[in-house]
Amino acid sequence: MELNDIVGSRIKALRLEKKISQETLAGLADIDRTYMQSIEKGQRNISIDMLRKLAKALGTTMSAILQDID
């Protein structure tokens, strides 16, 4: 599994755990919903800044999203 896929899956899992839609998360992170969808599908390389925005919007940390990724 590629790194993009792992990060995207973790973001999606956290979003579903919080019971929020892609559209809501995208709004909180100030990005387009289609971009959010492509992140969750592992189709995008996201920047550190984007990871920070998404972590903040999800109420977690970047390190929690990246935990145990080698």
PDB file of N, CA and C in Angstrom:
ATOM      1  N   MET A   1       0.851  -1.181   0.000  1.00  0.00           N
ATOM      2  CA  MET A   1       0.000   0.000   0.000  1.00  0.00           C
ATOM      3  C   MET A   1       0.896   1.244   0.000  1.00  0.00           C
ATOM      4  N   GLU A   2       0.557   2.204  -0.828  1.00  0.00           N
ATOM      5  CA  GLU A   2       1.320   3.444  -0.935  1.00  0.00           C
ATOM      6  C   GLU A   2       1.036   4.366   0.254  1.00  0.00           C
ATOM      7  N   LEU A   3       1.972   5.244   0.520  1.00  0.00           N
ATOM      8  CA  LEU A   3       1.829   6.195   1.623  1.00  0.00           C
ATOM      9  C   LEU A   3       0.571   7.047   1.467  1.00  0.00           C
ATOM     10  N   ASN A   4       0.303   7.513   0.249  1.00  0.00           N
ATOM     11  CA  ASN A   4      -0.905   8.318   0.015  1.00  0.00           C
ATOM     12  C   ASN A   4      -2.162   7.548   0.396  1.00  0.00           C
ATOM     13  N   ASP A   5      -2.180   6.248   0.076  1.00  0.00           N
ATOM     14  CA  ASP A   5      -3.334   5.415   0.404  1.00  0.00           C
ATOM     15  C   ASP A   5      -3.510   5.279   1.914  1.00  0.00           C
ATOM     16  N   ILE A   6      -2.408   5.079   2.617  1.00  0.00           N
ATOM     17  CA  ILE A   6      -2.455   4.915   4.074  1.00  0.00           C
ATOM     18  C   ILE A   6      -2.955   6.192   4.744  1.00  0.00           C
ATOM     19  N   VAL A   7      -2.367   7.321   4.369  1.00  0.00           N
ATOM     20  CA  VAL A   7      -2.767   8.600   4.966  1.00  0.00           C
ATOM     21  C   VAL A   7      -4.226   8.900   4.629  1.00  0.00           C
ATOM     22  N   GLY A   8      -4.611   8.690   3.386  1.00  0.00           N
ATOM     23  CA  GLY A   8      -5.997   8.927   2.981  1.00  0.00           C
ATOM     24  C   GLY A   8      -6.976   8.061   3.749  1.00  0.00           C
ATOM     25  N   SER A   9      -6.626   6.805   3.939  1.00  0.00           N
ATOM     26  CA  SER A   9      -7.488   5.886   4.691  1.00  0.00           C
ATOM     27  C   SER A   9      -7.621   6.307   6.147  1.00  0.00           C
ATOM     28  N   ARG A  10      -6.533   6.758   6.727  1.00  0.00           N
ATOM     29  CA  ARG A  10      -6.581   7.205   8.130  1.00  0.00           C
ATOM     30  C   ARG A  10      -7.429   8.459   8.278  1.00  0.00           C
ATOM     31  N   ILE A  11      -7.290   9.376   7.339  1.00  0.00           N
ATOM     32  CA  ILE A  11      -8.103  10.596   7.386  1.00  0.00           C
ATOM     33  C   ILE A  11      -9.580  10.238   7.249  1.00  0.00           C
ATOM     34  N   LYS A  12      -9.889   9.349   6.323  1.00  0.00           N
ATOM     35  CA  LYS A  12     -11.280   8.924   6.135  1.00  0.00           C
ATOM     36  C   LYS A  12     -11.813   8.243   7.393  1.00  0.00           C
ATOM     37  N   ALA A  13     -11.023   7.356   7.990  1.00  0.00           N
ATOM     38  CA  ALA A  13     -11.454   6.657   9.204  1.00  0.00           C
ATOM     39  C   ALA A  13     -11.735   7.643  10.337  1.00  0.00           C
ATOM     40  N   LEU A  14     -10.865   8.625  10.494  1.00  0.00           N
ATOM     41  CA  LEU A  14     -11.077   9.639  11.536  1.00  0.00           C
ATOM     42  C   LEU A  14     -12.333  10.457  11.248  1.00  0.00           C
ATOM     43  N   ARG A  15     -12.541  10.788   9.983  1.00  0.00           N
ATOM     44  CA  ARG A  15     -13.730  11.561   9.598  1.00  0.00           C
ATOM     45  C   ARG A  15     -14.991  10.769   9.912  1.00  0.00           C
ATOM     46  N   LEU A  16     -15.002   9.494   9.558  1.00  0.00           N
ATOM     47  CA  LEU A  16     -16.172   8.657   9.827  1.00  0.00           C
ATOM     48  C   LEU A  16     -16.393   8.457  11.323  1.00  0.00           C
ATOM     49  N   GLU A  17     -15.298   8.334  12.061  1.00  0.00           N
ATOM     50  CA  GLU A  17     -15.384   8.207  13.522  1.00  0.00           C
ATOM     51  C   GLU A  17     -16.042   9.440  14.133  1.00  0.00           C
ATOM     52  N   LYS A  18     -15.740  10.608  13.560  1.00  0.00           N
ATOM     53  CA  LYS A  18     -16.315  11.869  14.045  1.00  0.00           C
ATOM     54  C   LYS A  18     -17.716  12.111  13.489  1.00  0.00           C
ATOM     55  N   LYS A  19     -18.132  11.224  12.548  1.00  0.00           N
ATOM     56  CA  LYS A  19     -19.460  11.317  11.931  1.00  0.00           C
ATOM     57  C   LYS A  19     -19.665  12.646  11.213  1.00  0.00           C
ATOM     58  N   ILE A  20     -18.664  13.030  10.427  1.00  0.00           N
ATOM     59  CA  ILE A  20     -18.808  14.237   9.615  1.00  0.00           C
ATOM     60  C   ILE A  20     -18.627  13.877   8.140  1.00  0.00           C
ATOM     61  N   SER A  21     -19.265  14.651   7.297  1.00  0.00           N
ATOM     62  CA  SER A  21     -19.199  14.399   5.859  1.00  0.00           C
ATOM     63  C   SER A  21     -17.894  14.924   5.265  1.00  0.00           C
ATOM     64  N   GLN A  22     -17.600  14.455   4.058  1.00  0.00           N
ATOM     65  CA  GLN A  22     -16.439  14.984   3.339  1.00  0.00           C
ATOM     66  C   GLN A  22     -16.600  16.486   3.141  1.00  0.00           C
ATOM     67  N   GLU A  23     -17.808  16.896   2.816  1.00  0.00           N
ATOM     68  CA  GLU A  23     -18.066  18.316   2.570  1.00  0.00           C
ATOM     69  C   GLU A  23     -17.802  19.150   3.822  1.00  0.00           C
ATOM     70  N   THR A  24     -18.225  18.654   4.964  1.00  0.00           N
ATOM     71  CA  THR A  24     -17.994  19.369   6.219  1.00  0.00           C
ATOM     72  C   THR A  24     -16.508  19.455   6.533  1.00  0.00           C
ATOM     73  N   LEU A  25     -15.802  18.334   6.407  1.00  0.00           N
ATOM     74  CA  LEU A  25     -14.365  18.338   6.671  1.00  0.00           C
ATOM     75  C   LEU A  25     -13.642  19.260   5.697  1.00  0.00           C
ATOM     76  N   ALA A  26     -14.027  19.211   4.438  1.00  0.00           N
ATOM     77  CA  ALA A  26     -13.415  20.089   3.440  1.00  0.00           C
ATOM     78  C   ALA A  26     -13.623  21.555   3.819  1.00  0.00           C
ATOM     79  N   GLY A  27     -14.816  21.884   4.268  1.00  0.00           N
ATOM     80  CA  GLY A  27     -15.096  23.256   4.692  1.00  0.00           C
ATOM     81  C   GLY A  27     -14.253  23.670   5.885  1.00  0.00           C
ATOM     82  N   LEU A  28     -14.119  22.782   6.854  1.00  0.00           N
ATOM     83  CA  LEU A  28     -13.306  23.080   8.033  1.00  0.00           C
ATOM     84  C   LEU A  28     -11.834  23.270   7.681  1.00  0.00           C
ATOM     85  N   ALA A  29     -11.376  22.530   6.666  1.00  0.00           N
ATOM     86  CA  ALA A  29      -9.971  22.621   6.246  1.00  0.00           C
ATOM     87  C   ALA A  29      -9.773  23.654   5.134  1.00  0.00           C
ATOM     88  N   ASP A  30     -10.868  24.276   4.705  1.00  0.00           N
ATOM     89  CA  ASP A  30     -10.836  25.309   3.658  1.00  0.00           C
ATOM     90  C   ASP A  30     -10.290  24.766   2.333  1.00  0.00           C
ATOM     91  N   ILE A  31     -10.811  23.592   1.939  1.00  0.00           N
ATOM     92  CA  ILE A  31     -10.459  23.004   0.645  1.00  0.00           C
ATOM     93  C   ILE A  31     -11.738  22.557  -0.057  1.00  0.00           C
ATOM     94  N   ASP A  32     -11.638  22.269  -1.330  1.00  0.00           N
ATOM     95  CA  ASP A  32     -12.772  21.802  -2.111  1.00  0.00           C
ATOM     96  C   ASP A  32     -13.104  20.350  -1.746  1.00  0.00           C
ATOM     97  N   ARG A  33     -14.381  20.002  -1.790  1.00  0.00           N
ATOM     98  CA  ARG A  33     -14.803  18.645  -1.446  1.00  0.00           C
ATOM     99  C   ARG A  33     -14.193  17.606  -2.382  1.00  0.00           C
ATOM    100  N   THR A  34     -14.048  17.933  -3.658  1.00  0.00           N
ATOM    101  CA  THR A  34     -13.466  16.964  -4.591  1.00  0.00           C
ATOM    102  C   THR A  34     -11.992  16.716  -4.281  1.00  0.00           C
ATOM    103  N   TYR A  35     -11.303  17.749  -3.791  1.00  0.00           N
ATOM    104  CA  TYR A  35      -9.911  17.577  -3.371  1.00  0.00           C
ATOM    105  C   TYR A  35      -9.855  16.677  -2.133  1.00  0.00           C
ATOM    106  N   MET A  36     -10.798  16.891  -1.222  1.00  0.00           N
ATOM    107  CA  MET A  36     -10.888  16.053  -0.020  1.00  0.00           C
ATOM    108  C   MET A  36     -11.119  14.599  -0.418  1.00  0.00           C
ATOM    109  N   GLN A  37     -12.000  14.382  -1.363  1.00  0.00           N
ATOM    110  CA  GLN A  37     -12.290  13.034  -1.845  1.00  0.00           C
ATOM    111  C   GLN A  37     -11.041  12.381  -2.429  1.00  0.00           C
ATOM    112  N   SER A  38     -10.280  13.127  -3.212  1.00  0.00           N
ATOM    113  CA  SER A  38      -9.075  12.559  -3.833  1.00  0.00           C
ATOM    114  C   SER A  38      -7.991  12.261  -2.798  1.00  0.00           C
ATOM    115  N   ILE A  39      -7.943  13.037  -1.717  1.00  0.00           N
ATOM    116  CA  ILE A  39      -7.001  12.748  -0.625  1.00  0.00           C
ATOM    117  C   ILE A  39      -7.369  11.415   0.017  1.00  0.00           C
ATOM    118  N   GLU A  40      -8.651  11.248   0.341  1.00  0.00           N
ATOM    119  CA  GLU A  40      -9.102  10.015   0.986  1.00  0.00           C
ATOM    120  C   GLU A  40      -8.890   8.792   0.100  1.00  0.00           C
ATOM    121  N   LYS A  41      -8.952   8.967  -1.199  1.00  0.00           N
ATOM    122  CA  LYS A  41      -8.738   7.855  -2.134  1.00  0.00           C
ATOM    123  C   LYS A  41      -7.259   7.584  -2.389  1.00  0.00           C
ATOM    124  N   GLY A  42      -6.386   8.416  -1.811  1.00  0.00           N
ATOM    125  CA  GLY A  42      -4.951   8.228  -2.001  1.00  0.00           C
ATOM    126  C   GLY A  42      -4.446   8.722  -3.340  1.00  0.00           C
ATOM    127  N   GLN A  43      -5.209   9.579  -3.981  1.00  0.00           N
ATOM    128  CA  GLN A  43      -4.860  10.077  -5.309  1.00  0.00           C
ATOM    129  C   GLN A  43      -4.041  11.361  -5.275  1.00  0.00           C
ATOM    130  N   ARG A  44      -3.812  11.906  -4.102  1.00  0.00           N
ATOM    131  CA  ARG A  44      -3.081  13.170  -3.971  1.00  0.00           C
ATOM    132  C   ARG A  44      -1.914  13.038  -3.015  1.00  0.00           C
ATOM    133  N   ASN A  45      -0.831  13.705  -3.352  1.00  0.00           N
ATOM    134  CA  ASN A  45       0.260  13.915  -2.402  1.00  0.00           C
ATOM    135  C   ASN A  45      -0.103  15.173  -1.639  1.00  0.00           C
ATOM    136  N   ILE A  46      -0.267  15.063  -0.334  1.00  0.00           N
ATOM    137  CA  ILE A  46      -0.644  16.261   0.410  1.00  0.00           C
ATOM    138  C   ILE A  46       0.576  16.853   1.099  1.00  0.00           C
ATOM    139  N   SER A  47       0.537  18.157   1.233  1.00  0.00           N
ATOM    140  CA  SER A  47       1.641  18.874   1.869  1.00  0.00           C
ATOM    141  C   SER A  47       1.536  18.756   3.387  1.00  0.00           C
ATOM    142  N   ILE A  48       2.608  19.121   4.040  1.00  0.00           N
ATOM    143  CA  ILE A  48       2.612  19.167   5.510  1.00  0.00           C
ATOM    144  C   ILE A  48       1.553  20.158   5.991  1.00  0.00           C
ATOM    145  N   ASP A  49       1.446  21.282   5.306  1.00  0.00           N
ATOM    146  CA  ASP A  49       0.461  22.294   5.684  1.00  0.00           C
ATOM    147  C   ASP A  49      -0.959  21.736   5.564  1.00  0.00           C
ATOM    148  N   MET A  50      -1.231  20.999   4.502  1.00  0.00           N
ATOM    149  CA  MET A  50      -2.556  20.406   4.322  1.00  0.00           C
ATOM    150  C   MET A  50      -2.821  19.354   5.396  1.00  0.00           C
ATOM    151  N   LEU A  51      -1.824  18.559   5.715  1.00  0.00           N
ATOM    152  CA  LEU A  51      -1.972  17.564   6.776  1.00  0.00           C
ATOM    153  C   LEU A  51      -2.284  18.249   8.103  1.00  0.00           C
ATOM    154  N   ARG A  52      -1.618  19.361   8.366  1.00  0.00           N
ATOM    155  CA  ARG A  52      -1.873  20.131   9.594  1.00  0.00           C
ATOM    156  C   ARG A  52      -3.311  20.641   9.621  1.00  0.00           C
ATOM    157  N   LYS A  53      -3.788  21.188   8.502  1.00  0.00           N
ATOM    158  CA  LYS A  53      -5.162  21.700   8.426  1.00  0.00           C
ATOM    159  C   LYS A  53      -6.182  20.588   8.669  1.00  0.00           C
ATOM    160  N   LEU A  54      -5.948  19.448   8.040  1.00  0.00           N
ATOM    161  CA  LEU A  54      -6.881  18.333   8.203  1.00  0.00           C
ATOM    162  C   LEU A  54      -6.854  17.785   9.624  1.00  0.00           C
ATOM    163  N   ALA A  55      -5.673  17.673  10.201  1.00  0.00           N
ATOM    164  CA  ALA A  55      -5.565  17.202  11.586  1.00  0.00           C
ATOM    165  C   ALA A  55      -6.314  18.139  12.527  1.00  0.00           C
ATOM    166  N   LYS A  56      -6.124  19.430  12.339  1.00  0.00           N
ATOM    167  CA  LYS A  56      -6.813  20.417  13.181  1.00  0.00           C
ATOM    168  C   LYS A  56      -8.330  20.308  13.003  1.00  0.00           C
ATOM    169  N   ALA A  57      -8.775  20.190  11.758  1.00  0.00           N
ATOM    170  CA  ALA A  57     -10.206  20.078  11.480  1.00  0.00           C
ATOM    171  C   ALA A  57     -10.804  18.809  12.093  1.00  0.00           C
ATOM    172  N   LEU A  58      -9.997  17.759  12.192  1.00  0.00           N
ATOM    173  CA  LEU A  58     -10.452  16.494  12.775  1.00  0.00           C
ATOM    174  C   LEU A  58     -10.256  16.433  14.290  1.00  0.00           C
ATOM    175  N   GLY A  59      -9.659  17.469  14.852  1.00  0.00           N
ATOM    176  CA  GLY A  59      -9.437  17.494  16.294  1.00  0.00           C
ATOM    177  C   GLY A  59      -8.366  16.529  16.749  1.00  0.00           C
ATOM    178  N   THR A  60      -7.357  16.334  15.908  1.00  0.00           N
ATOM    179  CA  THR A  60      -6.266  15.423  16.238  1.00  0.00           C
ATOM    180  C   THR A  60      -4.943  16.081  15.858  1.00  0.00           C
ATOM    181  N   THR A  61      -3.884  15.304  15.887  1.00  0.00           N
ATOM    182  CA  THR A  61      -2.566  15.829  15.540  1.00  0.00           C
ATOM    183  C   THR A  61      -2.046  15.155  14.276  1.00  0.00           C
ATOM    184  N   MET A  62      -1.079  15.802  13.645  1.00  0.00           N
ATOM    185  CA  MET A  62      -0.436  15.199  12.483  1.00  0.00           C
ATOM    186  C   MET A  62       0.224  13.891  12.885  1.00  0.00           C
ATOM    187  N   SER A  63       0.855  13.880  14.043  1.00  0.00           N
ATOM    188  CA  SER A  63       1.553  12.664  14.477  1.00  0.00           C
ATOM    189  C   SER A  63       0.582  11.507  14.694  1.00  0.00           C
ATOM    190  N   ALA A  64      -0.633  11.792  15.124  1.00  0.00           N
ATOM    191  CA  ALA A  64      -1.626  10.730  15.293  1.00  0.00           C
ATOM    192  C   ALA A  64      -2.006  10.129  13.940  1.00  0.00           C
ATOM    193  N   ILE A  65      -2.113  10.960  12.920  1.00  0.00           N
ATOM    194  CA  ILE A  65      -2.435  10.470  11.579  1.00  0.00           C
ATOM    195  C   ILE A  65      -1.281   9.643  11.020  1.00  0.00           C
ATOM    196  N   LEU A  66      -0.060  10.065  11.298  1.00  0.00           N
ATOM    197  CA  LEU A  66       1.125   9.410  10.744  1.00  0.00           C
ATOM    198  C   LEU A  66       1.693   8.303  11.628  1.00  0.00           C
ATOM    199  N   GLN A  67       1.073   8.071  12.769  1.00  0.00           N
ATOM    200  CA  GLN A  67       1.577   7.092  13.734  1.00  0.00           C
ATOM    201  C   GLN A  67       1.780   5.722  13.094  1.00  0.00           C
ATOM    202  N   ASP A  68       2.923   5.130  13.376  1.00  0.00           N
ATOM    203  CA  ASP A  68       3.291   3.779  12.932  1.00  0.00           C
ATOM    204  C   ASP A  68       3.453   3.621  11.424  1.00  0.00           C
ATOM    205  N   ILE A  69       3.658   4.714  10.713  1.00  0.00           N
ATOM    206  CA  ILE A  69       3.964   4.625   9.281  1.00  0.00           C
ATOM    207  C   ILE A  69       5.474   4.644   9.144  1.00  0.00           C
ATOM    208  N   ASP A  70       6.008   3.630   8.511  1.00  0.00           N
ATOM    209  CA  ASP A  70       7.457   3.558   8.293  1.00  0.00           C
ATOM    210  C   ASP A  70       7.790   3.842   6.856  1.00  0.00           C
TER     211      ASP A  70
END
